[in-house]
Amino acid sequence: MLKSNPGDSLLLRNYGKYLHEVEKNVEKAEECYGRAILASPGDGELLSLYGNLIWETSKDEDRAQLYYDQALLNSPDVSMVLGSYAHFLWEAEDDEEDDQEIMKHIPAMVGAH
């Protein structure tokens, strides 16, 4: 279907989601999401999916936050977007707490050597 409709943002979004979640092919999923965003830059669900991909694969909080911000701006009442953003915030906070916990122990580890 993509061969006959290479610019169809819904097809690209769905295929990107499949590649990401089922095939675990991050590179191809990112390519599909990127093409879909070019075709439909105001699709909040798509922007949220891409933010999720970024967060899951690279833990780049700032970059993921940019896509979530755009998703919320374009689709403030879509439950999928709100749920994905809440999940991102929860995980980002957990990562920050984990980093702070590790940092507390570094002086003791350095002093032990």
C-alpha atoms as a PDB file:
ATOM      1  CA  MET A   1       0.000   0.000   0.000  1.00  0.00           C
ATOM      2  CA  LEU A   2       2.872   2.375   0.728  1.00  0.00           C
ATOM      3  CA  LYS A   3       4.248   1.868  -2.764  1.00  0.00           C
ATOM      4  CA  SER A   4       1.007   3.129  -4.270  1.00  0.00           C
ATOM      5  CA  ASN A   5       0.600   5.884  -1.610  1.00  0.00           C
ATOM      6  CA  PRO A   6       4.136   6.821  -0.470  1.00  0.00           C
ATOM      7  CA  GLY A   7       3.032  10.116   1.078  1.00  0.00           C
ATOM      8  CA  ASP A   8       0.033   8.820   3.030  1.00  0.00           C
ATOM      9  CA  SER A   9       0.742   9.937   6.599  1.00  0.00           C
ATOM     10  CA  LEU A  10      -1.660   7.451   8.188  1.00  0.00           C
ATOM     11  CA  LEU A  11      -0.066   4.505   6.396  1.00  0.00           C
ATOM     12  CA  LEU A  12       3.406   5.771   7.263  1.00  0.00           C
ATOM     13  CA  ARG A  13       2.426   6.292  10.899  1.00  0.00           C
ATOM     14  CA  ASN A  14       0.904   2.842  11.233  1.00  0.00           C
ATOM     15  CA  TYR A  15       3.813   1.150   9.484  1.00  0.00           C
ATOM     16  CA  GLY A  16       6.278   3.097  11.628  1.00  0.00           C
ATOM     17  CA  LYS A  17       4.456   1.946  14.747  1.00  0.00           C
ATOM     18  CA  TYR A  18       4.554  -1.650  13.508  1.00  0.00           C
ATOM     19  CA  LEU A  19       8.276  -1.402  12.745  1.00  0.00           C
ATOM     20  CA  HIS A  20       8.959   0.113  16.154  1.00  0.00           C
ATOM     21  CA  GLU A  21       6.812  -2.091  18.358  1.00  0.00           C
ATOM     22  CA  VAL A  22       6.740  -5.427  16.517  1.00  0.00           C
ATOM     23  CA  GLU A  23       9.816  -5.614  14.296  1.00  0.00           C
ATOM     24  CA  LYS A  24      11.995  -3.544  16.687  1.00  0.00           C
ATOM     25  CA  ASN A  25      13.486  -1.836  13.632  1.00  0.00           C
ATOM     26  CA  VAL A  26      14.168   1.597  15.069  1.00  0.00           C
ATOM     27  CA  GLU A  27      15.960   2.972  12.021  1.00  0.00           C
ATOM     28  CA  LYS A  28      13.123   2.146   9.609  1.00  0.00           C
ATOM     29  CA  ALA A  29      10.477   3.240  12.132  1.00  0.00           C
ATOM     30  CA  GLU A  30      12.208   6.595  12.502  1.00  0.00           C
ATOM     31  CA  GLU A  31      12.290   6.963   8.724  1.00  0.00           C
ATOM     32  CA  CYS A  32       8.544   6.245   8.433  1.00  0.00           C
ATOM     33  CA  TYR A  33       7.682   8.620  11.264  1.00  0.00           C
ATOM     34  CA  GLY A  34       9.838  11.323   9.711  1.00  0.00           C
ATOM     35  CA  ARG A  35       8.121  10.968   6.331  1.00  0.00           C
ATOM     36  CA  ALA A  36       4.715  10.942   8.024  1.00  0.00           C
ATOM     37  CA  ILE A  37       5.531  14.118   9.983  1.00  0.00           C
ATOM     38  CA  LEU A  38       6.535  15.842   6.749  1.00  0.00           C
ATOM     39  CA  ALA A  39       3.197  14.819   5.223  1.00  0.00           C
ATOM     40  CA  SER A  40       1.145  15.731   8.302  1.00  0.00           C
ATOM     41  CA  PRO A  41       3.072  17.981  10.707  1.00  0.00           C
ATOM     42  CA  GLY A  42       0.018  18.698  12.874  1.00  0.00           C
ATOM     43  CA  ASP A  43      -0.800  15.072  13.722  1.00  0.00           C
ATOM     44  CA  GLY A  44      -0.530  15.000  17.509  1.00  0.00           C
ATOM     45  CA  GLU A  45      -0.729  11.224  17.759  1.00  0.00           C
ATOM     46  CA  LEU A  46       2.096  10.852  15.254  1.00  0.00           C
ATOM     47  CA  LEU A  47       4.251  13.419  17.058  1.00  0.00           C
ATOM     48  CA  SER A  48       3.605  11.575  20.312  1.00  0.00           C
ATOM     49  CA  LEU A  49       4.599   8.237  18.773  1.00  0.00           C
ATOM     50  CA  TYR A  50       7.817   9.772  17.504  1.00  0.00           C
ATOM     51  CA  GLY A  51       8.553  11.312  20.903  1.00  0.00           C
ATOM     52  CA  ASN A  52       8.033   7.872  22.400  1.00  0.00           C
ATOM     53  CA  LEU A  53      10.446   6.307  19.906  1.00  0.00           C
ATOM     54  CA  ILE A  54      13.082   8.904  20.728  1.00  0.00           C
ATOM     55  CA  TRP A  55      12.667   8.433  24.465  1.00  0.00           C
ATOM     56  CA  GLU A  56      12.697   4.638  24.331  1.00  0.00           C
ATOM     57  CA  THR A  57      15.707   4.347  22.054  1.00  0.00           C
ATOM     58  CA  SER A  58      18.004   7.195  23.059  1.00  0.00           C
ATOM     59  CA  LYS A  59      16.632   8.571  26.349  1.00  0.00           C
ATOM     60  CA  ASP A  60      17.085  12.033  24.814  1.00  0.00           C
ATOM     61  CA  GLU A  61      14.711  13.818  27.163  1.00  0.00           C
ATOM     62  CA  ASP A  62      15.021  17.254  25.550  1.00  0.00           C
ATOM     63  CA  ARG A  63      14.391  16.003  22.030  1.00  0.00           C
ATOM     64  CA  ALA A  64      11.493  13.779  23.089  1.00  0.00           C
ATOM     65  CA  GLN A  65      10.017  16.687  25.064  1.00  0.00           C
ATOM     66  CA  LEU A  66       9.992  18.831  21.899  1.00  0.00           C
ATOM     67  CA  TYR A  67       7.863  16.271  20.076  1.00  0.00           C
ATOM     68  CA  TYR A  68       5.549  15.777  23.037  1.00  0.00           C
ATOM     69  CA  ASP A  69       5.120  19.560  23.312  1.00  0.00           C
ATOM     70  CA  GLN A  70       4.111  19.730  19.653  1.00  0.00           C
ATOM     71  CA  ALA A  71       1.779  16.751  20.103  1.00  0.00           C
ATOM     72  CA  LEU A  72       0.052  18.448  23.035  1.00  0.00           C
ATOM     73  CA  LEU A  73      -0.188  21.725  21.174  1.00  0.00           C
ATOM     74  CA  ASN A  74      -1.861  20.037  18.202  1.00  0.00           C
ATOM     75  CA  SER A  75      -3.979  17.467  20.058  1.00  0.00           C
ATOM     76  CA  PRO A  76      -4.563  18.669  23.629  1.00  0.00           C
ATOM     77  CA  ASP A  77      -7.685  16.545  24.157  1.00  0.00           C
ATOM     78  CA  VAL A  78      -6.561  13.236  22.616  1.00  0.00           C
ATOM     79  CA  SER A  79      -6.256  10.603  25.337  1.00  0.00           C
ATOM     80  CA  MET A  80      -3.496   8.682  23.540  1.00  0.00           C
ATOM     81  CA  VAL A  81      -1.351  11.820  23.413  1.00  0.00           C
ATOM     82  CA  LEU A  82      -2.056  12.675  27.053  1.00  0.00           C
ATOM     83  CA  GLY A  83      -1.368   9.114  28.185  1.00  0.00           C
ATOM     84  CA  SER A  84       1.906   8.889  26.256  1.00  0.00           C
ATOM     85  CA  TYR A  85       3.047  12.196  27.685  1.00  0.00           C
ATOM     86  CA  ALA A  86       2.157  11.153  31.239  1.00  0.00           C
ATOM     87  CA  HIS A  87       4.108   7.924  30.765  1.00  0.00           C
ATOM     88  CA  PHE A  88       7.098   9.869  29.448  1.00  0.00           C
ATOM     89  CA  LEU A  89       7.019  12.244  32.442  1.00  0.00           C
ATOM     90  CA  TRP A  90       6.814   9.318  34.847  1.00  0.00           C
ATOM     91  CA  GLU A  91       9.787   7.558  33.277  1.00  0.00           C
ATOM     92  CA  ALA A  92      11.845  10.733  32.918  1.00  0.00           C
ATOM     93  CA  GLU A  93      11.323  11.487  36.604  1.00  0.00           C
ATOM     94  CA  ASP A  94      12.329   7.933  37.552  1.00  0.00           C
ATOM     95  CA  ASP A  95      15.498   8.272  35.475  1.00  0.00           C
ATOM     96  CA  GLU A  96      16.330  11.565  37.204  1.00  0.00           C
ATOM     97  CA  GLU A  97      15.855   9.969  40.627  1.00  0.00           C
ATOM     98  CA  ASP A  98      18.045   7.024  39.609  1.00  0.00           C
ATOM     99  CA  ASP A  99      20.757   9.427  38.394  1.00  0.00           C
ATOM    100  CA  GLN A 100      20.594  11.393  41.656  1.00  0.00           C
ATOM    101  CA  GLU A 101      20.875   8.173  43.671  1.00  0.00           C
ATOM    102  CA  ILE A 102      23.953   7.113  41.682  1.00  0.00           C
ATOM    103  CA  MET A 103      25.527  10.547  42.104  1.00  0.00           C
ATOM    104  CA  LYS A 104      25.147  10.271  45.904  1.00  0.00           C
ATOM    105  CA  HIS A 105      27.341   7.164  45.914  1.00  0.00           C
ATOM    106  CA  ILE A 106      30.091   8.372  43.592  1.00  0.00           C
ATOM    107  CA  PRO A 107      32.114  10.228  46.278  1.00  0.00           C
ATOM    108  CA  ALA A 108      32.102   7.111  48.449  1.00  0.00           C
ATOM    109  CA  MET A 109      33.186   4.935  45.516  1.00  0.00           C
ATOM    110  CA  VAL A 110      35.960   7.343  44.531  1.00  0.00           C
ATOM    111  CA  GLY A 111      37.193   7.659  48.121  1.00  0.00           C
ATOM    112  CA  ALA A 112      37.316   3.865  48.499  1.00  0.00           C
ATOM    113  CA  HIS A 113      40.052   3.549  45.886  1.00  0.00           C
END
